[in-house]
């Protein structure tokens, strides 16, 4: 199984949704993230990371609020946003990174 580091260091852009199961806005983001994942399939990857189950990863990237969305490519952060983000914005960021 690939590690988080292996995935974000890959050639394809990776959109990571840092979330928590108890977070209302995270629940609102979930269908948006899933929809974006389907649209960019094959061109980019979309991951969801539960901050309560992965505190070391959340700490490494300074996640202080959920949801926080980070777009990685080859291990570099290209874009980051805390709070609910609309689908169009996410797609634009991914398209720019492809």
PDB file of N, CA and C in Angstrom:
ATOM      1  N   UNK A   1       0.834  -1.193   0.000  1.00  0.00           N
ATOM      2  CA  UNK A   1       0.000   0.000   0.000  1.00  0.00           C
ATOM      3  C   UNK A   1       0.877   1.255   0.000  1.00  0.00           C
ATOM      4  N   UNK A   2       0.475   2.222  -0.790  1.00  0.00           N
ATOM      5  CA  UNK A   2       1.247   3.466  -0.876  1.00  0.00           C
ATOM      6  C   UNK A   2       1.113   4.277   0.417  1.00  0.00           C
ATOM      7  N   UNK A   3       2.188   4.956   0.770  1.00  0.00           N
ATOM      8  CA  UNK A   3       2.116   5.849   1.924  1.00  0.00           C
ATOM      9  C   UNK A   3       1.638   7.224   1.449  1.00  0.00           C
ATOM     10  N   UNK A   4       1.232   8.039   2.394  1.00  0.00           N
ATOM     11  CA  UNK A   4       0.801   9.402   2.086  1.00  0.00           C
ATOM     12  C   UNK A   4       1.915  10.149   1.347  1.00  0.00           C
ATOM     13  N   UNK A   5       3.154  10.014   1.846  1.00  0.00           N
ATOM     14  CA  UNK A   5       4.285  10.707   1.219  1.00  0.00           C
ATOM     15  C   UNK A   5       4.497  10.248  -0.219  1.00  0.00           C
ATOM     16  N   UNK A   6       4.389   8.942  -0.471  1.00  0.00           N
ATOM     17  CA  UNK A   6       4.553   8.431  -1.832  1.00  0.00           C
ATOM     18  C   UNK A   6       3.495   9.014  -2.761  1.00  0.00           C
ATOM     19  N   UNK A   7       2.266   9.088  -2.258  1.00  0.00           N
ATOM     20  CA  UNK A   7       1.167   9.595  -3.084  1.00  0.00           C
ATOM     21  C   UNK A   7       1.385  11.067  -3.435  1.00  0.00           C
ATOM     22  N   UNK A   8       1.681  11.902  -2.430  1.00  0.00           N
ATOM     23  CA  UNK A   8       1.815  13.343  -2.723  1.00  0.00           C
ATOM     24  C   UNK A   8       3.092  13.682  -3.474  1.00  0.00           C
ATOM     25  N   UNK A   9       4.076  12.773  -3.476  1.00  0.00           N
ATOM     26  CA  UNK A   9       5.311  13.014  -4.216  1.00  0.00           C
ATOM     27  C   UNK A   9       5.222  12.568  -5.670  1.00  0.00           C
ATOM     28  N   UNK A  10       4.080  12.040  -6.074  1.00  0.00           N
ATOM     29  CA  UNK A  10       3.912  11.540  -7.435  1.00  0.00           C
ATOM     30  C   UNK A  10       3.812  12.650  -8.473  1.00  0.00           C
ATOM     31  N   UNK A  11       3.754  12.214  -9.731  1.00  0.00           N
ATOM     32  CA  UNK A  11       3.671  13.148 -10.861  1.00  0.00           C
ATOM     33  C   UNK A  11       2.308  13.827 -10.960  1.00  0.00           C
ATOM     34  N   UNK A  12       1.255  13.093 -10.575  1.00  0.00           N
ATOM     35  CA  UNK A  12      -0.099  13.656 -10.688  1.00  0.00           C
ATOM     36  C   UNK A  12      -0.383  14.576  -9.505  1.00  0.00           C
ATOM     37  N   UNK A  13      -1.150  15.641  -9.764  1.00  0.00           N
ATOM     38  CA  UNK A  13      -1.585  16.483  -8.650  1.00  0.00           C
ATOM     39  C   UNK A  13      -2.452  15.666  -7.687  1.00  0.00           C
ATOM     40  N   UNK A  14      -2.363  15.970  -6.411  1.00  0.00           N
ATOM     41  CA  UNK A  14      -3.155  15.274  -5.393  1.00  0.00           C
ATOM     42  C   UNK A  14      -3.884  16.310  -4.547  1.00  0.00           C
ATOM     43  N   UNK A  15      -5.212  16.248  -4.577  1.00  0.00           N
ATOM     44  CA  UNK A  15      -6.040  17.125  -3.750  1.00  0.00           C
ATOM     45  C   UNK A  15      -6.340  16.375  -2.459  1.00  0.00           C
ATOM     46  N   UNK A  16      -5.928  16.937  -1.332  1.00  0.00           N
ATOM     47  CA  UNK A  16      -6.125  16.268  -0.050  1.00  0.00           C
ATOM     48  C   UNK A  16      -7.121  17.067   0.787  1.00  0.00           C
ATOM     49  N   UNK A  17      -8.174  16.366   1.212  1.00  0.00           N
ATOM     50  CA  UNK A  17      -9.196  16.951   2.073  1.00  0.00           C
ATOM     51  C   UNK A  17      -8.914  16.486   3.497  1.00  0.00           C
ATOM     52  N   UNK A  18      -8.397  17.396   4.330  1.00  0.00           N
ATOM     53  CA  UNK A  18      -8.189  17.091   5.744  1.00  0.00           C
ATOM     54  C   UNK A  18      -9.509  17.378   6.447  1.00  0.00           C
ATOM     55  N   UNK A  19     -10.105  16.345   7.059  1.00  0.00           N
ATOM     56  CA  UNK A  19     -11.438  16.482   7.628  1.00  0.00           C
ATOM     57  C   UNK A  19     -11.531  15.784   8.984  1.00  0.00           C
ATOM     58  N   UNK A  20     -12.668  15.955   9.633  1.00  0.00           N
ATOM     59  CA  UNK A  20     -12.973  15.224  10.868  1.00  0.00           C
ATOM     60  C   UNK A  20     -14.426  14.750  10.778  1.00  0.00           C
ATOM     61  N   UNK A  21     -14.689  13.580  11.332  1.00  0.00           N
ATOM     62  CA  UNK A  21     -16.031  12.993  11.228  1.00  0.00           C
ATOM     63  C   UNK A  21     -17.083  13.832  11.971  1.00  0.00           C
ATOM     64  N   UNK A  22     -16.676  14.574  12.993  1.00  0.00           N
ATOM     65  CA  UNK A  22     -17.601  15.375  13.801  1.00  0.00           C
ATOM     66  C   UNK A  22     -17.839  16.778  13.232  1.00  0.00           C
ATOM     67  N   UNK A  23     -17.202  17.102  12.127  1.00  0.00           N
ATOM     68  CA  UNK A  23     -17.210  18.467  11.580  1.00  0.00           C
ATOM     69  C   UNK A  23     -18.341  18.657  10.566  1.00  0.00           C
ATOM     70  N   UNK A  24     -19.265  19.569  10.859  1.00  0.00           N
ATOM     71  CA  UNK A  24     -20.394  19.852   9.966  1.00  0.00           C
ATOM     72  C   UNK A  24     -19.973  20.320   8.583  1.00  0.00           C
ATOM     73  N   UNK A  25     -19.123  21.366   8.486  1.00  0.00           N
ATOM     74  CA  UNK A  25     -18.673  21.821   7.169  1.00  0.00           C
ATOM     75  C   UNK A  25     -17.960  20.719   6.374  1.00  0.00           C
ATOM     76  N   UNK A  26     -17.266  19.805   7.085  1.00  0.00           N
ATOM     77  CA  UNK A  26     -16.592  18.685   6.408  1.00  0.00           C
ATOM     78  C   UNK A  26     -17.623  17.786   5.733  1.00  0.00           C
ATOM     79  N   UNK A  27     -18.738  17.563   6.435  1.00  0.00           N
ATOM     80  CA  UNK A  27     -19.807  16.737   5.867  1.00  0.00           C
ATOM     81  C   UNK A  27     -20.395  17.408   4.634  1.00  0.00           C
ATOM     82  N   UNK A  28     -20.485  18.724   4.661  1.00  0.00           N
ATOM     83  CA  UNK A  28     -20.992  19.475   3.500  1.00  0.00           C
ATOM     84  C   UNK A  28     -20.020  19.370   2.328  1.00  0.00           C
ATOM     85  N   UNK A  29     -18.720  19.306   2.616  1.00  0.00           N
ATOM     86  CA  UNK A  29     -17.692  19.222   1.569  1.00  0.00           C
ATOM     87  C   UNK A  29     -17.614  17.837   0.933  1.00  0.00           C
ATOM     88  N   UNK A  30     -18.010  16.816   1.667  1.00  0.00           N
ATOM     89  CA  UNK A  30     -17.824  15.440   1.217  1.00  0.00           C
ATOM     90  C   UNK A  30     -18.373  15.153  -0.190  1.00  0.00           C
ATOM     91  N   UNK A  31     -19.638  15.516  -0.498  1.00  0.00           N
ATOM     92  CA  UNK A  31     -20.124  15.247  -1.861  1.00  0.00           C
ATOM     93  C   UNK A  31     -19.390  16.065  -2.929  1.00  0.00           C
ATOM     94  N   UNK A  32     -18.912  17.247  -2.572  1.00  0.00           N
ATOM     95  CA  UNK A  32     -18.157  18.088  -3.511  1.00  0.00           C
ATOM     96  C   UNK A  32     -16.823  17.398  -3.825  1.00  0.00           C
ATOM     97  N   UNK A  33     -16.151  16.920  -2.785  1.00  0.00           N
ATOM     98  CA  UNK A  33     -14.862  16.231  -2.954  1.00  0.00           C
ATOM     99  C   UNK A  33     -15.047  14.979  -3.817  1.00  0.00           C
ATOM    100  N   UNK A  34     -16.106  14.211  -3.535  1.00  0.00           N
ATOM    101  CA  UNK A  34     -16.365  12.992  -4.314  1.00  0.00           C
ATOM    102  C   UNK A  34     -16.611  13.316  -5.779  1.00  0.00           C
ATOM    103  N   UNK A  35     -17.382  14.363  -6.024  1.00  0.00           N
ATOM    104  CA  UNK A  35     -17.692  14.771  -7.391  1.00  0.00           C
ATOM    105  C   UNK A  35     -16.434  15.210  -8.144  1.00  0.00           C
ATOM    106  N   UNK A  36     -15.597  15.985  -7.468  1.00  0.00           N
ATOM    107  CA  UNK A  36     -14.333  16.434  -8.068  1.00  0.00           C
ATOM    108  C   UNK A  36     -13.457  15.219  -8.380  1.00  0.00           C
ATOM    109  N   UNK A  37     -13.408  14.273  -7.459  1.00  0.00           N
ATOM    110  CA  UNK A  37     -12.623  13.060  -7.657  1.00  0.00           C
ATOM    111  C   UNK A  37     -13.029  12.304  -8.908  1.00  0.00           C
ATOM    112  N   UNK A  38     -14.333  12.213  -9.148  1.00  0.00           N
ATOM    113  CA  UNK A  38     -14.827  11.521 -10.348  1.00  0.00           C
ATOM    114  C   UNK A  38     -14.447  12.281 -11.613  1.00  0.00           C
ATOM    115  N   UNK A  39     -14.525  13.603 -11.572  1.00  0.00           N
ATOM    116  CA  UNK A  39     -14.229  14.415 -12.751  1.00  0.00           C
ATOM    117  C   UNK A  39     -12.760  14.391 -13.150  1.00  0.00           C
ATOM    118  N   UNK A  40     -11.872  14.268 -12.176  1.00  0.00           N
ATOM    119  CA  UNK A  40     -10.439  14.342 -12.486  1.00  0.00           C
ATOM    120  C   UNK A  40      -9.772  12.963 -12.507  1.00  0.00           C
ATOM    121  N   UNK A  41     -10.583  11.931 -12.413  1.00  0.00           N
ATOM    122  CA  UNK A  41     -10.058  10.563 -12.388  1.00  0.00           C
ATOM    123  C   UNK A  41      -9.083  10.323 -13.540  1.00  0.00           C
ATOM    124  N   UNK A  42      -7.926   9.766 -13.216  1.00  0.00           N
ATOM    125  CA  UNK A  42      -6.916   9.501 -14.230  1.00  0.00           C
ATOM    126  C   UNK A  42      -5.947  10.656 -14.441  1.00  0.00           C
ATOM    127  N   UNK A  43      -6.376  11.880 -14.115  1.00  0.00           N
ATOM    128  CA  UNK A  43      -5.515  13.055 -14.308  1.00  0.00           C
ATOM    129  C   UNK A  43      -4.936  13.561 -12.991  1.00  0.00           C
ATOM    130  N   UNK A  44      -5.684  13.340 -11.913  1.00  0.00           N
ATOM    131  CA  UNK A  44      -5.258  13.775 -10.586  1.00  0.00           C
ATOM    132  C   UNK A  44      -5.841  12.802  -9.568  1.00  0.00           C
ATOM    133  N   UNK A  45      -5.350  12.884  -8.351  1.00  0.00           N
ATOM    134  CA  UNK A  45      -5.873  12.020  -7.288  1.00  0.00           C
ATOM    135  C   UNK A  45      -6.527  12.882  -6.230  1.00  0.00           C
ATOM    136  N   UNK A  46      -7.510  12.286  -5.573  1.00  0.00           N
ATOM    137  CA  UNK A  46      -8.203  12.976  -4.488  1.00  0.00           C
ATOM    138  C   UNK A  46      -8.173  12.058  -3.267  1.00  0.00           C
ATOM    139  N   UNK A  47      -7.703  12.596  -2.150  1.00  0.00           N
ATOM    140  CA  UNK A  47      -7.622  11.830  -0.907  1.00  0.00           C
ATOM    141  C   UNK A  47      -8.378  12.538   0.196  1.00  0.00           C
ATOM    142  N   UNK A  48      -8.903  11.743   1.116  1.00  0.00           N
ATOM    143  CA  UNK A  48      -9.489  12.299   2.326  1.00  0.00           C
ATOM    144  C   UNK A  48      -8.646  11.797   3.498  1.00  0.00           C
ATOM    145  N   UNK A  49      -8.252  12.715   4.369  1.00  0.00           N
ATOM    146  CA  UNK A  49      -7.439  12.355   5.531  1.00  0.00           C
ATOM    147  C   UNK A  49      -8.179  12.797   6.792  1.00  0.00           C
ATOM    148  N   UNK A  50      -8.528  11.815   7.624  1.00  0.00           N
ATOM    149  CA  UNK A  50      -9.196  12.089   8.896  1.00  0.00           C
ATOM    150  C   UNK A  50      -8.133  12.572   9.890  1.00  0.00           C
ATOM    151  N   UNK A  51      -8.246  13.827  10.326  1.00  0.00           N
ATOM    152  CA  UNK A  51      -7.212  14.409  11.197  1.00  0.00           C
ATOM    153  C   UNK A  51      -7.154  13.727  12.566  1.00  0.00           C
ATOM    154  N   UNK A  52      -8.275  13.148  13.000  1.00  0.00           N
ATOM    155  CA  UNK A  52      -8.268  12.457  14.293  1.00  0.00           C
ATOM    156  C   UNK A  52      -7.539  11.115  14.215  1.00  0.00           C
ATOM    157  N   UNK A  53      -7.583  10.477  13.051  1.00  0.00           N
ATOM    158  CA  UNK A  53      -6.906   9.190  12.880  1.00  0.00           C
ATOM    159  C   UNK A  53      -5.470   9.354  12.396  1.00  0.00           C
ATOM    160  N   UNK A  54      -5.143  10.543  11.875  1.00  0.00           N
ATOM    161  CA  UNK A  54      -3.800  10.809  11.337  1.00  0.00           C
ATOM    162  C   UNK A  54      -3.226  12.110  11.904  1.00  0.00           C
ATOM    163  N   UNK A  55      -3.091  12.182  13.233  1.00  0.00           N
ATOM    164  CA  UNK A  55      -2.646  13.455  13.837  1.00  0.00           C
ATOM    165  C   UNK A  55      -1.250  13.883  13.415  1.00  0.00           C
ATOM    166  N   UNK A  56      -0.362  12.932  13.125  1.00  0.00           N
ATOM    167  CA  UNK A  56       1.004  13.303  12.727  1.00  0.00           C
ATOM    168  C   UNK A  56       1.005  14.013  11.375  1.00  0.00           C
ATOM    169  N   UNK A  57       0.211  13.505  10.439  1.00  0.00           N
ATOM    170  CA  UNK A  57       0.125  14.142   9.115  1.00  0.00           C
ATOM    171  C   UNK A  57      -0.508  15.522   9.253  1.00  0.00           C
ATOM    172  N   UNK A  58      -1.584  15.615  10.045  1.00  0.00           N
ATOM    173  CA  UNK A  58      -2.255  16.905  10.249  1.00  0.00           C
ATOM    174  C   UNK A  58      -1.288  17.915  10.875  1.00  0.00           C
ATOM    175  N   UNK A  59      -0.507  17.467  11.842  1.00  0.00           N
ATOM    176  CA  UNK A  59       0.451  18.360  12.507  1.00  0.00           C
ATOM    177  C   UNK A  59       1.549  18.798  11.538  1.00  0.00           C
ATOM    178  N   UNK A  60       2.025  17.862  10.719  1.00  0.00           N
ATOM    179  CA  UNK A  60       3.105  18.173   9.771  1.00  0.00           C
ATOM    180  C   UNK A  60       2.711  19.302   8.827  1.00  0.00           C
ATOM    181  N   UNK A  61       1.439  19.329   8.425  1.00  0.00           N
ATOM    182  CA  UNK A  61       0.980  20.356   7.481  1.00  0.00           C
ATOM    183  C   UNK A  61       0.234  21.501   8.169  1.00  0.00           C
ATOM    184  N   UNK A  62       0.338  21.560   9.488  1.00  0.00           N
ATOM    185  CA  UNK A  62      -0.214  22.686  10.238  1.00  0.00           C
ATOM    186  C   UNK A  62      -1.720  22.834  10.107  1.00  0.00           C
ATOM    187  N   UNK A  63      -2.414  21.705  10.097  1.00  0.00           N
ATOM    188  CA  UNK A  63      -3.874  21.762   9.968  1.00  0.00           C
ATOM    189  C   UNK A  63      -4.455  22.220  11.304  1.00  0.00           C
ATOM    190  N   UNK A  64      -5.036  23.418  11.305  1.00  0.00           N
ATOM    191  CA  UNK A  64      -5.600  23.957  12.537  1.00  0.00           C
ATOM    192  C   UNK A  64      -7.119  24.051  12.468  1.00  0.00           C
ATOM    193  N   UNK A  65      -7.657  23.983  11.269  1.00  0.00           N
ATOM    194  CA  UNK A  65      -9.107  24.038  11.085  1.00  0.00           C
ATOM    195  C   UNK A  65      -9.485  22.983  10.051  1.00  0.00           C
ATOM    196  N   UNK A  66     -10.665  22.413  10.226  1.00  0.00           N
ATOM    197  CA  UNK A  66     -11.166  21.464   9.231  1.00  0.00           C
ATOM    198  C   UNK A  66     -12.496  21.985   8.703  1.00  0.00           C
ATOM    199  N   UNK A  67     -12.788  21.806   7.435  1.00  0.00           N
ATOM    200  CA  UNK A  67     -11.927  21.149   6.463  1.00  0.00           C
ATOM    201  C   UNK A  67     -10.811  22.082   5.972  1.00  0.00           C
ATOM    202  N   UNK A  68      -9.663  21.499   5.705  1.00  0.00           N
ATOM    203  CA  UNK A  68      -8.578  22.199   5.014  1.00  0.00           C
ATOM    204  C   UNK A  68      -8.247  21.375   3.778  1.00  0.00           C
ATOM    205  N   UNK A  69      -8.199  22.039   2.641  1.00  0.00           N
ATOM    206  CA  UNK A  69      -7.904  21.380   1.379  1.00  0.00           C
ATOM    207  C   UNK A  69      -6.513  21.821   0.933  1.00  0.00           C
ATOM    208  N   UNK A  70      -5.660  20.858   0.603  1.00  0.00           N
ATOM    209  CA  UNK A  70      -4.318  21.179   0.108  1.00  0.00           C
ATOM    210  C   UNK A  70      -4.105  20.444  -1.213  1.00  0.00           C
ATOM    211  N   UNK A  71      -3.592  21.170  -2.201  1.00  0.00           N
ATOM    212  CA  UNK A  71      -3.260  20.575  -3.491  1.00  0.00           C
ATOM    213  C   UNK A  71      -1.742  20.406  -3.561  1.00  0.00           C
ATOM    214  N   UNK A  72      -1.306  19.157  -3.714  1.00  0.00           N
ATOM    215  CA  UNK A  72       0.113  18.832  -3.802  1.00  0.00           C
ATOM    216  C   UNK A  72       0.457  18.402  -5.221  1.00  0.00           C
ATOM    217  N   UNK A  73       1.698  18.649  -5.613  1.00  0.00           N
ATOM    218  CA  UNK A  73       2.241  18.043  -6.824  1.00  0.00           C
ATOM    219  C   UNK A  73       3.725  17.856  -6.575  1.00  0.00           C
ATOM    220  N   UNK A  74       4.197  16.630  -6.755  1.00  0.00           N
ATOM    221  CA  UNK A  74       5.598  16.275  -6.512  1.00  0.00           C
ATOM    222  C   UNK A  74       6.048  16.729  -5.122  1.00  0.00           C
ATOM    223  N   UNK A  75       5.157  16.567  -4.144  1.00  0.00           N
ATOM    224  CA  UNK A  75       5.486  16.878  -2.759  1.00  0.00           C
ATOM    225  C   UNK A  75       5.390  18.338  -2.372  1.00  0.00           C
ATOM    226  N   UNK A  76       5.144  19.217  -3.346  1.00  0.00           N
ATOM    227  CA  UNK A  76       5.050  20.652  -3.062  1.00  0.00           C
ATOM    228  C   UNK A  76       3.589  21.067  -2.920  1.00  0.00           C
ATOM    229  N   UNK A  77       3.351  22.004  -2.010  1.00  0.00           N
ATOM    230  CA  UNK A  77       2.003  22.543  -1.852  1.00  0.00           C
ATOM    231  C   UNK A  77       1.798  23.625  -2.913  1.00  0.00           C
ATOM    232  N   UNK A  78       0.828  23.401  -3.792  1.00  0.00           N
ATOM    233  CA  UNK A  78       0.518  24.379  -4.842  1.00  0.00           C
ATOM    234  C   UNK A  78      -0.577  25.340  -4.400  1.00  0.00           C
ATOM    235  N   UNK A  79      -1.480  24.827  -3.555  1.00  0.00           N
ATOM    236  CA  UNK A  79      -2.636  25.632  -3.146  1.00  0.00           C
ATOM    237  C   UNK A  79      -3.174  25.075  -1.850  1.00  0.00           C
ATOM    238  N   UNK A  80      -3.737  25.965  -1.030  1.00  0.00           N
ATOM    239  CA  UNK A  80      -4.252  25.548   0.271  1.00  0.00           C
ATOM    240  C   UNK A  80      -5.423  26.441   0.636  1.00  0.00           C
ATOM    241  N   UNK A  81      -6.448  25.833   1.225  1.00  0.00           N
ATOM    242  CA  UNK A  81      -7.606  26.619   1.652  1.00  0.00           C
ATOM    243  C   UNK A  81      -8.268  25.963   2.857  1.00  0.00           C
ATOM    244  N   UNK A  82      -8.562  26.770   3.864  1.00  0.00           N
ATOM    245  CA  UNK A  82      -9.292  26.271   5.037  1.00  0.00           C
ATOM    246  C   UNK A  82     -10.746  26.684   4.906  1.00  0.00           C
ATOM    247  N   UNK A  83     -11.638  25.772   5.239  1.00  0.00           N
ATOM    248  CA  UNK A  83     -13.071  26.057   5.154  1.00  0.00           C
ATOM    249  C   UNK A  83     -13.684  25.438   3.912  1.00  0.00           C
ATOM    250  N   UNK A  84     -14.986  25.621   3.786  1.00  0.00           N
ATOM    251  CA  UNK A  84     -15.712  25.049   2.652  1.00  0.00           C
ATOM    252  C   UNK A  84     -15.290  25.748   1.362  1.00  0.00           C
ATOM    253  N   UNK A  85     -15.052  24.960   0.330  1.00  0.00           N
ATOM    254  CA  UNK A  85     -14.617  25.475  -0.968  1.00  0.00           C
ATOM    255  C   UNK A  85     -15.566  24.948  -2.035  1.00  0.00           C
ATOM    256  N   UNK A  86     -15.923  25.788  -3.004  1.00  0.00           N
ATOM    257  CA  UNK A  86     -16.853  25.329  -4.036  1.00  0.00           C
ATOM    258  C   UNK A  86     -16.149  24.460  -5.064  1.00  0.00           C
ATOM    259  N   UNK A  87     -16.930  23.643  -5.743  1.00  0.00           N
ATOM    260  CA  UNK A  87     -16.412  22.675  -6.713  1.00  0.00           C
ATOM    261  C   UNK A  87     -15.623  23.354  -7.826  1.00  0.00           C
ATOM    262  N   UNK A  88     -16.132  24.478  -8.334  1.00  0.00           N
ATOM    263  CA  UNK A  88     -15.472  25.164  -9.445  1.00  0.00           C
ATOM    264  C   UNK A  88     -14.058  25.593  -9.078  1.00  0.00           C
ATOM    265  N   UNK A  89     -13.886  26.111  -7.884  1.00  0.00           N
ATOM    266  CA  UNK A  89     -12.563  26.538  -7.420  1.00  0.00           C
ATOM    267  C   UNK A  89     -11.611  25.349  -7.363  1.00  0.00           C
ATOM    268  N   UNK A  90     -12.092  24.242  -6.811  1.00  0.00           N
ATOM    269  CA  UNK A  90     -11.254  23.042  -6.714  1.00  0.00           C
ATOM    270  C   UNK A  90     -10.834  22.560  -8.099  1.00  0.00           C
ATOM    271  N   UNK A  91     -11.793  22.513  -9.018  1.00  0.00           N
ATOM    272  CA  UNK A  91     -11.487  22.056 -10.382  1.00  0.00           C
ATOM    273  C   UNK A  91     -10.498  22.983 -11.076  1.00  0.00           C
ATOM    274  N   UNK A  92     -10.646  24.292 -10.880  1.00  0.00           N
ATOM    275  CA  UNK A  92      -9.724  25.262 -11.492  1.00  0.00           C
ATOM    276  C   UNK A  92      -8.299  25.045 -10.968  1.00  0.00           C
ATOM    277  N   UNK A  93      -8.166  24.820  -9.667  1.00  0.00           N
ATOM    278  CA  UNK A  93      -6.843  24.617  -9.076  1.00  0.00           C
ATOM    279  C   UNK A  93      -6.199  23.337  -9.604  1.00  0.00           C
ATOM    280  N   UNK A  94      -7.005  22.289  -9.715  1.00  0.00           N
ATOM    281  CA  UNK A  94      -6.470  21.014 -10.221  1.00  0.00           C
ATOM    282  C   UNK A  94      -6.084  21.148 -11.683  1.00  0.00           C
ATOM    283  N   UNK A  95      -6.951  21.775 -12.481  1.00  0.00           N
ATOM    284  CA  UNK A  95      -6.661  21.955 -13.926  1.00  0.00           C
ATOM    285  C   UNK A  95      -5.350  22.713 -14.114  1.00  0.00           C
ATOM    286  N   UNK A  96      -5.136  23.735 -13.290  1.00  0.00           N
ATOM    287  CA  UNK A  96      -3.912  24.537 -13.394  1.00  0.00           C
ATOM    288  C   UNK A  96      -2.669  23.701 -13.085  1.00  0.00           C
ATOM    289  N   UNK A  97      -2.837  22.651 -12.265  1.00  0.00           N
ATOM    290  CA  UNK A  97      -1.700  21.841 -11.840  1.00  0.00           C
ATOM    291  C   UNK A  97      -1.418  20.666 -12.772  1.00  0.00           C
ATOM    292  N   UNK A  98      -2.384  20.318 -13.614  1.00  0.00           N
ATOM    293  CA  UNK A  98      -2.226  19.133 -14.474  1.00  0.00           C
ATOM    294  C   UNK A  98      -1.208  19.385 -15.584  1.00  0.00           C
TER     295      UNK A  98
END
